[in-house]
Protein backbone atom coordinates (compact mmCIF):
# COMPACT_ATOMS: atom_id res chain seq x y z
CA UNK A 1 0.00 0.00 0.00
CA UNK A 2 2.75 2.44 0.97
CA UNK A 3 4.68 1.51 -2.14
CA UNK A 4 1.62 2.26 -4.28
CA UNK A 5 1.10 5.65 -2.62
CA UNK A 6 4.80 6.49 -2.93
CA UNK A 7 4.79 5.57 -6.62
CA UNK A 8 1.66 7.64 -7.18
CA UNK A 9 3.12 10.68 -5.43
CA UNK A 10 6.40 10.30 -7.30
CA UNK A 11 4.56 10.38 -10.61
CA UNK A 12 1.75 12.83 -9.92
CA UNK A 13 2.71 14.66 -6.72
CA UNK A 14 4.34 17.55 -8.56
CA UNK A 15 1.36 17.90 -10.91
CA UNK A 16 -1.13 17.93 -8.03
CA UNK A 17 0.98 20.37 -6.03
CA UNK A 18 1.17 22.77 -8.97
CA UNK A 19 -2.56 22.37 -9.62
CA UNK A 20 -3.36 23.09 -5.99
CA UNK A 21 -1.24 26.24 -6.06
CA UNK A 22 -2.91 27.43 -9.27
CA UNK A 23 -6.37 26.77 -7.81
CA UNK A 24 -5.60 28.69 -4.61
CA UNK A 25 -4.34 31.65 -6.65
CA UNK A 26 -7.45 31.54 -8.85
CA UNK A 27 -9.61 31.59 -5.71
CA UNK A 28 -7.86 34.19 -3.57
CA UNK A 29 -6.96 36.91 -6.09
CA UNK A 30 -10.38 37.23 -7.81
CA UNK A 31 -12.17 36.96 -4.45
CA UNK A 32 -10.08 39.78 -2.99
CA UNK A 33 -10.82 42.00 -6.00
CA UNK A 34 -14.48 41.00 -5.90
CA UNK A 35 -14.80 41.96 -2.24
CA UNK A 36 -13.50 45.47 -2.94
CA UNK A 37 -16.16 45.88 -5.64
CA UNK A 38 -18.90 43.92 -3.90
CA UNK A 39 -18.46 45.68 -0.56
CA UNK A 40 -18.84 49.09 -2.20
CA UNK A 41 -21.87 47.96 -4.20
CA UNK A 42 -23.48 46.29 -1.19
CA UNK A 43 -23.09 49.39 0.99
CA UNK A 44 -24.57 51.61 -1.72
CA UNK A 45 -27.46 49.18 -2.28
CA UNK A 46 -28.23 49.19 1.43
CA UNK A 47 -27.93 52.95 1.91
CA UNK A 48 -30.01 53.89 -1.15
CA UNK A 49 -32.83 51.40 -0.59
CA UNK A 50 -36.29 52.89 0.11
CA UNK A 51 -36.64 53.51 3.83
CA UNK A 52 -32.92 53.24 4.46
CA UNK A 53 -30.47 55.92 5.65
CA UNK A 54 -29.99 57.73 2.33
CA UNK A 55 -32.79 56.52 0.04
CA UNK A 56 -32.22 57.12 -3.67
CA UNK A 57 -34.74 54.80 -5.33
CA UNK A 58 -33.58 55.44 -8.91
CA UNK A 59 -29.94 54.66 -8.16
CA UNK A 60 -30.92 51.65 -6.09
CA UNK A 61 -33.10 50.30 -8.88
CA UNK A 62 -30.39 50.70 -11.54
CA UNK A 63 -27.69 49.10 -9.38
CA UNK A 64 -30.04 46.29 -8.39
CA UNK A 65 -30.88 45.69 -12.03
CA UNK A 66 -27.18 45.49 -13.03
CA UNK A 67 -26.37 43.18 -10.11
CA UNK A 68 -29.27 40.87 -10.93
CA UNK A 69 -28.30 40.64 -14.60
CA UNK A 70 -24.71 39.69 -13.76
CA UNK A 71 -25.92 37.13 -11.20
CA UNK A 72 -28.17 35.50 -13.78
CA UNK A 73 -25.28 34.47 -16.06
CA UNK A 74 -24.05 30.87 -15.58
CA UNK A 75 -20.30 31.08 -15.02
CA UNK A 76 -19.28 29.04 -18.05
CA UNK A 77 -21.47 31.21 -20.31
CA UNK A 78 -20.08 34.42 -18.83
CA UNK A 79 -16.51 33.17 -19.16
CA UNK A 80 -16.91 32.45 -22.87
CA UNK A 81 -19.01 35.57 -23.51
CA UNK A 82 -16.39 38.01 -22.20
CA UNK A 83 -13.30 36.35 -23.74
CA UNK A 84 -12.67 39.39 -26.02
CA UNK A 85 -12.85 41.70 -22.97
CA UNK A 86 -10.62 39.35 -20.98
CA UNK A 87 -8.02 39.29 -23.75
CA UNK A 88 -8.16 43.07 -23.98
CA UNK A 89 -7.37 43.73 -20.32
CA UNK A 90 -5.35 40.62 -19.40
CA UNK A 91 -3.59 39.87 -22.68
CA UNK A 92 -4.96 36.32 -22.72
CA UNK A 93 -8.28 34.54 -22.53
CA UNK A 94 -6.95 31.36 -20.92
CA UNK A 95 -4.88 30.21 -17.97
CA UNK A 96 -4.92 31.78 -14.52
CA UNK A 97 -4.96 35.35 -15.86
CA UNK A 98 -7.85 34.52 -18.16
CA UNK A 99 -10.03 33.39 -15.26
CA UNK A 100 -9.71 36.59 -13.20
CA UNK A 101 -12.19 38.86 -15.06
CA UNK A 102 -15.03 36.30 -15.32
CA UNK A 103 -14.51 35.21 -11.71
CA UNK A 104 -14.63 38.84 -10.55
CA UNK A 105 -17.75 39.56 -12.60
CA UNK A 106 -19.44 36.43 -11.23
CA UNK A 107 -18.49 36.92 -7.59
CA UNK A 108 -18.89 40.71 -7.21
CA UNK A 109 -22.70 40.90 -7.61
CA UNK A 110 -23.10 37.85 -5.38
CA UNK A 111 -20.98 39.54 -2.71
CA UNK A 112 -22.90 42.80 -3.12
CA UNK A 113 -26.20 41.09 -2.28
CA UNK A 114 -24.63 39.27 0.68
CA UNK A 115 -23.18 42.53 2.05
CA UNK A 116 -26.54 44.26 1.58
CA UNK A 117 -28.28 41.46 3.48
CA UNK A 118 -25.68 41.48 6.28
CA UNK A 119 -26.11 45.24 6.74
CA UNK A 120 -29.88 44.89 6.74
CA UNK A 121 -29.58 42.52 9.72
CA UNK A 122 -27.87 45.19 11.86
CA UNK A 123 -30.26 46.36 14.62
CA UNK A 124 -31.69 49.76 13.78
CA UNK A 125 -30.92 51.13 17.25
CA UNK A 126 -27.20 50.56 16.71
CA UNK A 127 -27.32 52.81 13.66
CA UNK A 128 -29.59 55.40 15.26
CA UNK A 129 -27.23 55.78 18.23
CA UNK A 130 -24.39 56.83 15.94
CA UNK A 131 -26.68 58.88 13.71
CA UNK A 132 -27.98 60.81 16.76
CA UNK A 133 -24.42 61.99 17.45
CA UNK A 134 -24.42 63.77 14.07
CA UNK A 135 -22.14 61.25 12.38
CA UNK A 136 -21.66 61.48 8.63
CA UNK A 137 -22.72 58.63 6.35
CA UNK A 138 -19.16 57.22 6.03
CA UNK A 139 -18.80 57.35 9.81
CA UNK A 140 -22.08 55.48 10.25
CA UNK A 141 -20.95 52.84 7.77
CA UNK A 142 -17.51 52.28 9.31
CA UNK A 143 -18.41 52.85 12.97
CA UNK A 144 -21.75 51.08 13.23
CA UNK A 145 -22.87 49.14 10.19
CA UNK A 146 -19.74 47.22 9.17
CA UNK A 147 -18.54 46.36 12.71
CA UNK A 148 -22.00 45.09 13.68
CA UNK A 149 -22.35 43.12 10.45
CA UNK A 150 -18.80 41.71 10.56
CA UNK A 151 -19.63 38.19 11.84
CA UNK A 152 -22.25 37.76 9.13
CA UNK A 153 -19.86 39.16 6.50
CA UNK A 154 -17.07 36.79 7.57
CA UNK A 155 -19.42 33.80 7.36
CA UNK A 156 -20.34 34.99 3.90
CA UNK A 157 -16.67 34.92 2.92
CA UNK A 158 -16.71 31.14 3.30
CA UNK A 159 -19.71 30.86 0.95
CA UNK A 160 -18.01 33.09 -1.62
CA UNK A 161 -14.65 31.32 -1.46
CA UNK A 162 -16.26 27.90 -1.85
CA UNK A 163 -18.40 29.18 -4.74
CA UNK A 164 -15.35 30.64 -6.49
CA UNK A 165 -13.52 27.35 -5.89
CA UNK A 166 -16.35 25.62 -7.73
CA UNK A 167 -16.06 28.15 -10.55
CA UNK A 168 -12.32 27.39 -10.90
CA UNK A 169 -13.15 23.72 -11.36
CA UNK A 170 -15.55 24.70 -14.15
CA UNK A 171 -12.87 26.95 -15.65
CA UNK A 172 -10.49 23.99 -15.56
CA UNK A 173 -12.79 22.17 -17.96
CA UNK A 174 -11.98 24.76 -20.63
CA UNK A 175 -8.24 24.82 -20.05
CA UNK A 176 -7.79 27.33 -17.24
CA UNK A 177 -5.55 25.00 -15.24
CA UNK A 178 -5.76 24.05 -11.59
CA UNK A 179 -7.29 21.01 -9.97
CA UNK A 180 -10.41 21.15 -12.15
CA UNK A 181 -8.27 20.85 -15.25
CA UNK A 182 -6.36 17.91 -13.74
CA UNK A 183 -9.56 16.11 -12.76
CA UNK A 184 -11.05 16.52 -16.24
CA UNK A 185 -7.86 15.84 -18.19
CA UNK A 186 -6.79 12.73 -16.29
CA UNK A 187 -10.07 11.43 -14.93
CA UNK A 188 -12.33 11.99 -17.94
CA UNK A 189 -10.06 11.93 -20.98
CA UNK A 190 -7.43 9.43 -19.78
CA UNK A 191 -9.62 7.32 -17.46
CA UNK A 192 -7.13 7.69 -14.60
CA UNK A 193 -9.61 7.68 -11.76
CA UNK A 194 -6.87 7.72 -9.11
CA UNK A 195 -5.64 11.15 -10.27
CA UNK A 196 -9.19 12.50 -10.44
CA UNK A 197 -9.92 11.13 -6.96
CA UNK A 198 -6.78 12.78 -5.57
CA UNK A 199 -7.80 16.13 -7.11
CA UNK A 200 -11.30 15.81 -5.64
CA UNK A 201 -9.92 14.95 -2.19
CA UNK A 202 -7.68 18.04 -2.28
CA UNK A 203 -10.69 20.18 -3.24
CA UNK A 204 -12.68 18.74 -0.32
CA UNK A 205 -9.81 19.48 2.06
CA UNK A 206 -9.62 23.08 0.79
CA UNK A 207 -13.37 23.51 1.34
CA UNK A 208 -13.10 22.17 4.90
CA UNK A 209 -10.19 24.48 5.70
CA UNK A 210 -12.04 27.51 4.29
CA UNK A 211 -15.22 26.74 6.22
CA UNK A 212 -13.45 26.01 9.51
CA UNK A 213 -11.26 29.11 9.28
CA UNK A 214 -14.16 31.42 8.46
CA UNK A 215 -16.31 29.94 11.22
CA UNK A 216 -13.48 30.54 13.69
CA UNK A 217 -12.94 34.12 12.53
CA UNK A 218 -16.69 34.81 12.65
CA UNK A 219 -16.86 33.64 16.27
CA UNK A 220 -13.84 35.77 17.17
CA UNK A 221 -15.36 38.85 15.54
CA UNK A 222 -18.77 38.43 17.19
CA UNK A 223 -18.63 40.65 20.29
CA UNK A 224 -22.05 39.38 21.37
CA UNK A 225 -20.79 35.81 21.81
CA UNK A 226 -17.56 37.12 23.35
CA UNK A 227 -19.54 38.82 26.16
CA UNK A 228 -22.01 36.01 26.71
C-alpha atoms as a PDB file:
ATOM      1  CA  UNK A   1       0.000   0.000   0.000  1.00  0.00           C
ATOM      2  CA  UNK A   2       2.746   2.441   0.974  1.00  0.00           C
ATOM      3  CA  UNK A   3       4.682   1.507  -2.137  1.00  0.00           C
ATOM      4  CA  UNK A   4       1.624   2.260  -4.279  1.00  0.00           C
ATOM      5  CA  UNK A   5       1.101   5.649  -2.617  1.00  0.00           C
ATOM      6  CA  UNK A   6       4.804   6.485  -2.929  1.00  0.00           C
ATOM      7  CA  UNK A   7       4.793   5.570  -6.617  1.00  0.00           C
ATOM      8  CA  UNK A   8       1.655   7.640  -7.184  1.00  0.00           C
ATOM      9  CA  UNK A   9       3.122  10.685  -5.432  1.00  0.00           C
ATOM     10  CA  UNK A  10       6.397  10.297  -7.297  1.00  0.00           C
ATOM     11  CA  UNK A  11       4.561  10.380 -10.614  1.00  0.00           C
ATOM     12  CA  UNK A  12       1.745  12.833  -9.925  1.00  0.00           C
ATOM     13  CA  UNK A  13       2.709  14.663  -6.723  1.00  0.00           C
ATOM     14  CA  UNK A  14       4.338  17.554  -8.560  1.00  0.00           C
ATOM     15  CA  UNK A  15       1.358  17.897 -10.908  1.00  0.00           C
ATOM     16  CA  UNK A  16      -1.130  17.934  -8.030  1.00  0.00           C
ATOM     17  CA  UNK A  17       0.981  20.372  -6.025  1.00  0.00           C
ATOM     18  CA  UNK A  18       1.166  22.767  -8.969  1.00  0.00           C
ATOM     19  CA  UNK A  19      -2.563  22.375  -9.620  1.00  0.00           C
ATOM     20  CA  UNK A  20      -3.356  23.095  -5.988  1.00  0.00           C
ATOM     21  CA  UNK A  21      -1.237  26.241  -6.064  1.00  0.00           C
ATOM     22  CA  UNK A  22      -2.914  27.435  -9.267  1.00  0.00           C
ATOM     23  CA  UNK A  23      -6.370  26.773  -7.811  1.00  0.00           C
ATOM     24  CA  UNK A  24      -5.603  28.687  -4.613  1.00  0.00           C
ATOM     25  CA  UNK A  25      -4.337  31.653  -6.655  1.00  0.00           C
ATOM     26  CA  UNK A  26      -7.455  31.543  -8.848  1.00  0.00           C
ATOM     27  CA  UNK A  27      -9.611  31.588  -5.708  1.00  0.00           C
ATOM     28  CA  UNK A  28      -7.862  34.194  -3.565  1.00  0.00           C
ATOM     29  CA  UNK A  29      -6.961  36.913  -6.088  1.00  0.00           C
ATOM     30  CA  UNK A  30     -10.379  37.228  -7.815  1.00  0.00           C
ATOM     31  CA  UNK A  31     -12.167  36.957  -4.453  1.00  0.00           C
ATOM     32  CA  UNK A  32     -10.076  39.779  -2.989  1.00  0.00           C
ATOM     33  CA  UNK A  33     -10.815  42.004  -6.001  1.00  0.00           C
ATOM     34  CA  UNK A  34     -14.480  41.004  -5.901  1.00  0.00           C
ATOM     35  CA  UNK A  35     -14.802  41.964  -2.242  1.00  0.00           C
ATOM     36  CA  UNK A  36     -13.504  45.467  -2.941  1.00  0.00           C
ATOM     37  CA  UNK A  37     -16.156  45.885  -5.637  1.00  0.00           C
ATOM     38  CA  UNK A  38     -18.903  43.917  -3.897  1.00  0.00           C
ATOM     39  CA  UNK A  39     -18.459  45.682  -0.557  1.00  0.00           C
ATOM     40  CA  UNK A  40     -18.840  49.086  -2.203  1.00  0.00           C
ATOM     41  CA  UNK A  41     -21.874  47.958  -4.200  1.00  0.00           C
ATOM     42  CA  UNK A  42     -23.475  46.287  -1.186  1.00  0.00           C
ATOM     43  CA  UNK A  43     -23.087  49.387   0.987  1.00  0.00           C
ATOM     44  CA  UNK A  44     -24.569  51.614  -1.723  1.00  0.00           C
ATOM     45  CA  UNK A  45     -27.458  49.178  -2.284  1.00  0.00           C
ATOM     46  CA  UNK A  46     -28.230  49.194   1.434  1.00  0.00           C
ATOM     47  CA  UNK A  47     -27.931  52.951   1.911  1.00  0.00           C
ATOM     48  CA  UNK A  48     -30.005  53.889  -1.146  1.00  0.00           C
ATOM     49  CA  UNK A  49     -32.835  51.399  -0.587  1.00  0.00           C
ATOM     50  CA  UNK A  50     -36.289  52.888   0.108  1.00  0.00           C
ATOM     51  CA  UNK A  51     -36.642  53.515   3.832  1.00  0.00           C
ATOM     52  CA  UNK A  52     -32.919  53.237   4.464  1.00  0.00           C
ATOM     53  CA  UNK A  53     -30.473  55.922   5.650  1.00  0.00           C
ATOM     54  CA  UNK A  54     -29.990  57.727   2.330  1.00  0.00           C
ATOM     55  CA  UNK A  55     -32.786  56.524   0.039  1.00  0.00           C
ATOM     56  CA  UNK A  56     -32.221  57.122  -3.666  1.00  0.00           C
ATOM     57  CA  UNK A  57     -34.744  54.797  -5.332  1.00  0.00           C
ATOM     58  CA  UNK A  58     -33.585  55.444  -8.906  1.00  0.00           C
ATOM     59  CA  UNK A  59     -29.935  54.656  -8.161  1.00  0.00           C
ATOM     60  CA  UNK A  60     -30.915  51.647  -6.085  1.00  0.00           C
ATOM     61  CA  UNK A  61     -33.101  50.301  -8.877  1.00  0.00           C
ATOM     62  CA  UNK A  62     -30.393  50.704 -11.542  1.00  0.00           C
ATOM     63  CA  UNK A  63     -27.691  49.101  -9.375  1.00  0.00           C
ATOM     64  CA  UNK A  64     -30.036  46.295  -8.394  1.00  0.00           C
ATOM     65  CA  UNK A  65     -30.878  45.687 -12.035  1.00  0.00           C
ATOM     66  CA  UNK A  66     -27.183  45.486 -13.031  1.00  0.00           C
ATOM     67  CA  UNK A  67     -26.372  43.180 -10.107  1.00  0.00           C
ATOM     68  CA  UNK A  68     -29.271  40.867 -10.932  1.00  0.00           C
ATOM     69  CA  UNK A  69     -28.298  40.640 -14.600  1.00  0.00           C
ATOM     70  CA  UNK A  70     -24.705  39.690 -13.756  1.00  0.00           C
ATOM     71  CA  UNK A  71     -25.916  37.135 -11.204  1.00  0.00           C
ATOM     72  CA  UNK A  72     -28.175  35.504 -13.784  1.00  0.00           C
ATOM     73  CA  UNK A  73     -25.282  34.468 -16.060  1.00  0.00           C
ATOM     74  CA  UNK A  74     -24.054  30.873 -15.584  1.00  0.00           C
ATOM     75  CA  UNK A  75     -20.297  31.084 -15.016  1.00  0.00           C
ATOM     76  CA  UNK A  76     -19.279  29.037 -18.049  1.00  0.00           C
ATOM     77  CA  UNK A  77     -21.472  31.207 -20.307  1.00  0.00           C
ATOM     78  CA  UNK A  78     -20.080  34.425 -18.826  1.00  0.00           C
ATOM     79  CA  UNK A  79     -16.507  33.169 -19.155  1.00  0.00           C
ATOM     80  CA  UNK A  80     -16.913  32.453 -22.866  1.00  0.00           C
ATOM     81  CA  UNK A  81     -19.013  35.575 -23.507  1.00  0.00           C
ATOM     82  CA  UNK A  82     -16.391  38.007 -22.205  1.00  0.00           C
ATOM     83  CA  UNK A  83     -13.304  36.349 -23.740  1.00  0.00           C
ATOM     84  CA  UNK A  84     -12.673  39.386 -26.021  1.00  0.00           C
ATOM     85  CA  UNK A  85     -12.849  41.699 -22.972  1.00  0.00           C
ATOM     86  CA  UNK A  86     -10.616  39.350 -20.975  1.00  0.00           C
ATOM     87  CA  UNK A  87      -8.022  39.291 -23.755  1.00  0.00           C
ATOM     88  CA  UNK A  88      -8.163  43.070 -23.983  1.00  0.00           C
ATOM     89  CA  UNK A  89      -7.367  43.725 -20.316  1.00  0.00           C
ATOM     90  CA  UNK A  90      -5.353  40.620 -19.396  1.00  0.00           C
ATOM     91  CA  UNK A  91      -3.593  39.873 -22.676  1.00  0.00           C
ATOM     92  CA  UNK A  92      -4.957  36.319 -22.719  1.00  0.00           C
ATOM     93  CA  UNK A  93      -8.275  34.537 -22.529  1.00  0.00           C
ATOM     94  CA  UNK A  94      -6.952  31.365 -20.917  1.00  0.00           C
ATOM     95  CA  UNK A  95      -4.878  30.212 -17.969  1.00  0.00           C
ATOM     96  CA  UNK A  96      -4.919  31.780 -14.522  1.00  0.00           C
ATOM     97  CA  UNK A  97      -4.963  35.348 -15.860  1.00  0.00           C
ATOM     98  CA  UNK A  98      -7.851  34.516 -18.161  1.00  0.00           C
ATOM     99  CA  UNK A  99     -10.026  33.389 -15.256  1.00  0.00           C
ATOM    100  CA  UNK A 100      -9.712  36.587 -13.200  1.00  0.00           C
ATOM    101  CA  UNK A 101     -12.194  38.863 -15.064  1.00  0.00           C
ATOM    102  CA  UNK A 102     -15.028  36.297 -15.319  1.00  0.00           C
ATOM    103  CA  UNK A 103     -14.509  35.212 -11.707  1.00  0.00           C
ATOM    104  CA  UNK A 104     -14.633  38.838 -10.548  1.00  0.00           C
ATOM    105  CA  UNK A 105     -17.747  39.559 -12.597  1.00  0.00           C
ATOM    106  CA  UNK A 106     -19.440  36.430 -11.232  1.00  0.00           C
ATOM    107  CA  UNK A 107     -18.494  36.925  -7.590  1.00  0.00           C
ATOM    108  CA  UNK A 108     -18.895  40.715  -7.212  1.00  0.00           C
ATOM    109  CA  UNK A 109     -22.700  40.903  -7.608  1.00  0.00           C
ATOM    110  CA  UNK A 110     -23.100  37.852  -5.380  1.00  0.00           C
ATOM    111  CA  UNK A 111     -20.976  39.537  -2.709  1.00  0.00           C
ATOM    112  CA  UNK A 112     -22.897  42.796  -3.124  1.00  0.00           C
ATOM    113  CA  UNK A 113     -26.199  41.093  -2.275  1.00  0.00           C
ATOM    114  CA  UNK A 114     -24.628  39.267   0.680  1.00  0.00           C
ATOM    115  CA  UNK A 115     -23.185  42.532   2.055  1.00  0.00           C
ATOM    116  CA  UNK A 116     -26.538  44.257   1.579  1.00  0.00           C
ATOM    117  CA  UNK A 117     -28.279  41.456   3.480  1.00  0.00           C
ATOM    118  CA  UNK A 118     -25.684  41.483   6.276  1.00  0.00           C
ATOM    119  CA  UNK A 119     -26.108  45.238   6.738  1.00  0.00           C
ATOM    120  CA  UNK A 120     -29.883  44.892   6.743  1.00  0.00           C
ATOM    121  CA  UNK A 121     -29.575  42.520   9.722  1.00  0.00           C
ATOM    122  CA  UNK A 122     -27.867  45.186  11.860  1.00  0.00           C
ATOM    123  CA  UNK A 123     -30.259  46.361  14.620  1.00  0.00           C
ATOM    124  CA  UNK A 124     -31.694  49.764  13.784  1.00  0.00           C
ATOM    125  CA  UNK A 125     -30.919  51.135  17.253  1.00  0.00           C
ATOM    126  CA  UNK A 126     -27.195  50.563  16.712  1.00  0.00           C
ATOM    127  CA  UNK A 127     -27.324  52.812  13.664  1.00  0.00           C
ATOM    128  CA  UNK A 128     -29.595  55.396  15.264  1.00  0.00           C
ATOM    129  CA  UNK A 129     -27.235  55.778  18.227  1.00  0.00           C
ATOM    130  CA  UNK A 130     -24.385  56.826  15.939  1.00  0.00           C
ATOM    131  CA  UNK A 131     -26.684  58.877  13.714  1.00  0.00           C
ATOM    132  CA  UNK A 132     -27.981  60.810  16.760  1.00  0.00           C
ATOM    133  CA  UNK A 133     -24.423  61.992  17.447  1.00  0.00           C
ATOM    134  CA  UNK A 134     -24.423  63.767  14.072  1.00  0.00           C
ATOM    135  CA  UNK A 135     -22.138  61.252  12.379  1.00  0.00           C
ATOM    136  CA  UNK A 136     -21.660  61.479   8.632  1.00  0.00           C
ATOM    137  CA  UNK A 137     -22.720  58.633   6.354  1.00  0.00           C
ATOM    138  CA  UNK A 138     -19.162  57.223   6.027  1.00  0.00           C
ATOM    139  CA  UNK A 139     -18.798  57.353   9.814  1.00  0.00           C
ATOM    140  CA  UNK A 140     -22.081  55.484  10.249  1.00  0.00           C
ATOM    141  CA  UNK A 141     -20.954  52.840   7.775  1.00  0.00           C
ATOM    142  CA  UNK A 142     -17.515  52.284   9.309  1.00  0.00           C
ATOM    143  CA  UNK A 143     -18.407  52.851  12.973  1.00  0.00           C
ATOM    144  CA  UNK A 144     -21.749  51.082  13.231  1.00  0.00           C
ATOM    145  CA  UNK A 145     -22.869  49.139  10.189  1.00  0.00           C
ATOM    146  CA  UNK A 146     -19.736  47.220   9.174  1.00  0.00           C
ATOM    147  CA  UNK A 147     -18.537  46.364  12.710  1.00  0.00           C
ATOM    148  CA  UNK A 148     -22.002  45.089  13.682  1.00  0.00           C
ATOM    149  CA  UNK A 149     -22.347  43.117  10.447  1.00  0.00           C
ATOM    150  CA  UNK A 150     -18.798  41.709  10.558  1.00  0.00           C
ATOM    151  CA  UNK A 151     -19.629  38.187  11.844  1.00  0.00           C
ATOM    152  CA  UNK A 152     -22.246  37.762   9.132  1.00  0.00           C
ATOM    153  CA  UNK A 153     -19.864  39.157   6.503  1.00  0.00           C
ATOM    154  CA  UNK A 154     -17.072  36.786   7.573  1.00  0.00           C
ATOM    155  CA  UNK A 155     -19.417  33.796   7.362  1.00  0.00           C
ATOM    156  CA  UNK A 156     -20.342  34.985   3.896  1.00  0.00           C
ATOM    157  CA  UNK A 157     -16.667  34.919   2.918  1.00  0.00           C
ATOM    158  CA  UNK A 158     -16.713  31.137   3.298  1.00  0.00           C
ATOM    159  CA  UNK A 159     -19.705  30.865   0.952  1.00  0.00           C
ATOM    160  CA  UNK A 160     -18.009  33.089  -1.625  1.00  0.00           C
ATOM    161  CA  UNK A 161     -14.649  31.316  -1.463  1.00  0.00           C
ATOM    162  CA  UNK A 162     -16.260  27.902  -1.852  1.00  0.00           C
ATOM    163  CA  UNK A 163     -18.400  29.177  -4.741  1.00  0.00           C
ATOM    164  CA  UNK A 164     -15.353  30.642  -6.487  1.00  0.00           C
ATOM    165  CA  UNK A 165     -13.522  27.354  -5.886  1.00  0.00           C
ATOM    166  CA  UNK A 166     -16.347  25.619  -7.728  1.00  0.00           C
ATOM    167  CA  UNK A 167     -16.059  28.149 -10.553  1.00  0.00           C
ATOM    168  CA  UNK A 168     -12.322  27.394 -10.897  1.00  0.00           C
ATOM    169  CA  UNK A 169     -13.153  23.724 -11.360  1.00  0.00           C
ATOM    170  CA  UNK A 170     -15.549  24.699 -14.154  1.00  0.00           C
ATOM    171  CA  UNK A 171     -12.874  26.946 -15.650  1.00  0.00           C
ATOM    172  CA  UNK A 172     -10.491  23.990 -15.563  1.00  0.00           C
ATOM    173  CA  UNK A 173     -12.789  22.168 -17.958  1.00  0.00           C
ATOM    174  CA  UNK A 174     -11.978  24.762 -20.632  1.00  0.00           C
ATOM    175  CA  UNK A 175      -8.242  24.817 -20.046  1.00  0.00           C
ATOM    176  CA  UNK A 176      -7.788  27.329 -17.242  1.00  0.00           C
ATOM    177  CA  UNK A 177      -5.551  24.995 -15.240  1.00  0.00           C
ATOM    178  CA  UNK A 178      -5.762  24.054 -11.590  1.00  0.00           C
ATOM    179  CA  UNK A 179      -7.292  21.008  -9.969  1.00  0.00           C
ATOM    180  CA  UNK A 180     -10.408  21.146 -12.146  1.00  0.00           C
ATOM    181  CA  UNK A 181      -8.268  20.852 -15.252  1.00  0.00           C
ATOM    182  CA  UNK A 182      -6.360  17.912 -13.743  1.00  0.00           C
ATOM    183  CA  UNK A 183      -9.560  16.113 -12.759  1.00  0.00           C
ATOM    184  CA  UNK A 184     -11.051  16.519 -16.243  1.00  0.00           C
ATOM    185  CA  UNK A 185      -7.859  15.841 -18.190  1.00  0.00           C
ATOM    186  CA  UNK A 186      -6.787  12.735 -16.295  1.00  0.00           C
ATOM    187  CA  UNK A 187     -10.075  11.428 -14.933  1.00  0.00           C
ATOM    188  CA  UNK A 188     -12.326  11.990 -17.938  1.00  0.00           C
ATOM    189  CA  UNK A 189     -10.065  11.932 -20.985  1.00  0.00           C
ATOM    190  CA  UNK A 190      -7.429   9.428 -19.778  1.00  0.00           C
ATOM    191  CA  UNK A 191      -9.618   7.317 -17.461  1.00  0.00           C
ATOM    192  CA  UNK A 192      -7.130   7.692 -14.598  1.00  0.00           C
ATOM    193  CA  UNK A 193      -9.607   7.676 -11.758  1.00  0.00           C
ATOM    194  CA  UNK A 194      -6.865   7.724  -9.109  1.00  0.00           C
ATOM    195  CA  UNK A 195      -5.636  11.146 -10.267  1.00  0.00           C
ATOM    196  CA  UNK A 196      -9.193  12.495 -10.437  1.00  0.00           C
ATOM    197  CA  UNK A 197      -9.923  11.130  -6.955  1.00  0.00           C
ATOM    198  CA  UNK A 198      -6.777  12.779  -5.574  1.00  0.00           C
ATOM    199  CA  UNK A 199      -7.800  16.128  -7.108  1.00  0.00           C
ATOM    200  CA  UNK A 200     -11.303  15.809  -5.640  1.00  0.00           C
ATOM    201  CA  UNK A 201      -9.916  14.948  -2.188  1.00  0.00           C
ATOM    202  CA  UNK A 202      -7.680  18.037  -2.280  1.00  0.00           C
ATOM    203  CA  UNK A 203     -10.691  20.176  -3.241  1.00  0.00           C
ATOM    204  CA  UNK A 204     -12.684  18.737  -0.323  1.00  0.00           C
ATOM    205  CA  UNK A 205      -9.811  19.485   2.065  1.00  0.00           C
ATOM    206  CA  UNK A 206      -9.615  23.076   0.789  1.00  0.00           C
ATOM    207  CA  UNK A 207     -13.369  23.514   1.341  1.00  0.00           C
ATOM    208  CA  UNK A 208     -13.104  22.173   4.896  1.00  0.00           C
ATOM    209  CA  UNK A 209     -10.190  24.481   5.697  1.00  0.00           C
ATOM    210  CA  UNK A 210     -12.040  27.513   4.288  1.00  0.00           C
ATOM    211  CA  UNK A 211     -15.221  26.738   6.221  1.00  0.00           C
ATOM    212  CA  UNK A 212     -13.449  26.006   9.506  1.00  0.00           C
ATOM    213  CA  UNK A 213     -11.260  29.108   9.283  1.00  0.00           C
ATOM    214  CA  UNK A 214     -14.155  31.424   8.460  1.00  0.00           C
ATOM    215  CA  UNK A 215     -16.313  29.938  11.225  1.00  0.00           C
ATOM    216  CA  UNK A 216     -13.477  30.537  13.686  1.00  0.00           C
ATOM    217  CA  UNK A 217     -12.942  34.124  12.527  1.00  0.00           C
ATOM    218  CA  UNK A 218     -16.690  34.806  12.647  1.00  0.00           C
ATOM    219  CA  UNK A 219     -16.859  33.640  16.269  1.00  0.00           C
ATOM    220  CA  UNK A 220     -13.839  35.767  17.171  1.00  0.00           C
ATOM    221  CA  UNK A 221     -15.361  38.850  15.535  1.00  0.00           C
ATOM    222  CA  UNK A 222     -18.770  38.431  17.190  1.00  0.00           C
ATOM    223  CA  UNK A 223     -18.628  40.647  20.288  1.00  0.00           C
ATOM    224  CA  UNK A 224     -22.053  39.383  21.374  1.00  0.00           C
ATOM    225  CA  UNK A 225     -20.791  35.811  21.814  1.00  0.00           C
ATOM    226  CA  UNK A 226     -17.558  37.115  23.352  1.00  0.00           C
ATOM    227  CA  UNK A 227     -19.538  38.820  26.165  1.00  0.00           C
ATOM    228  CA  UNK A 228     -22.011  36.014  26.705  1.00  0.00           C
END
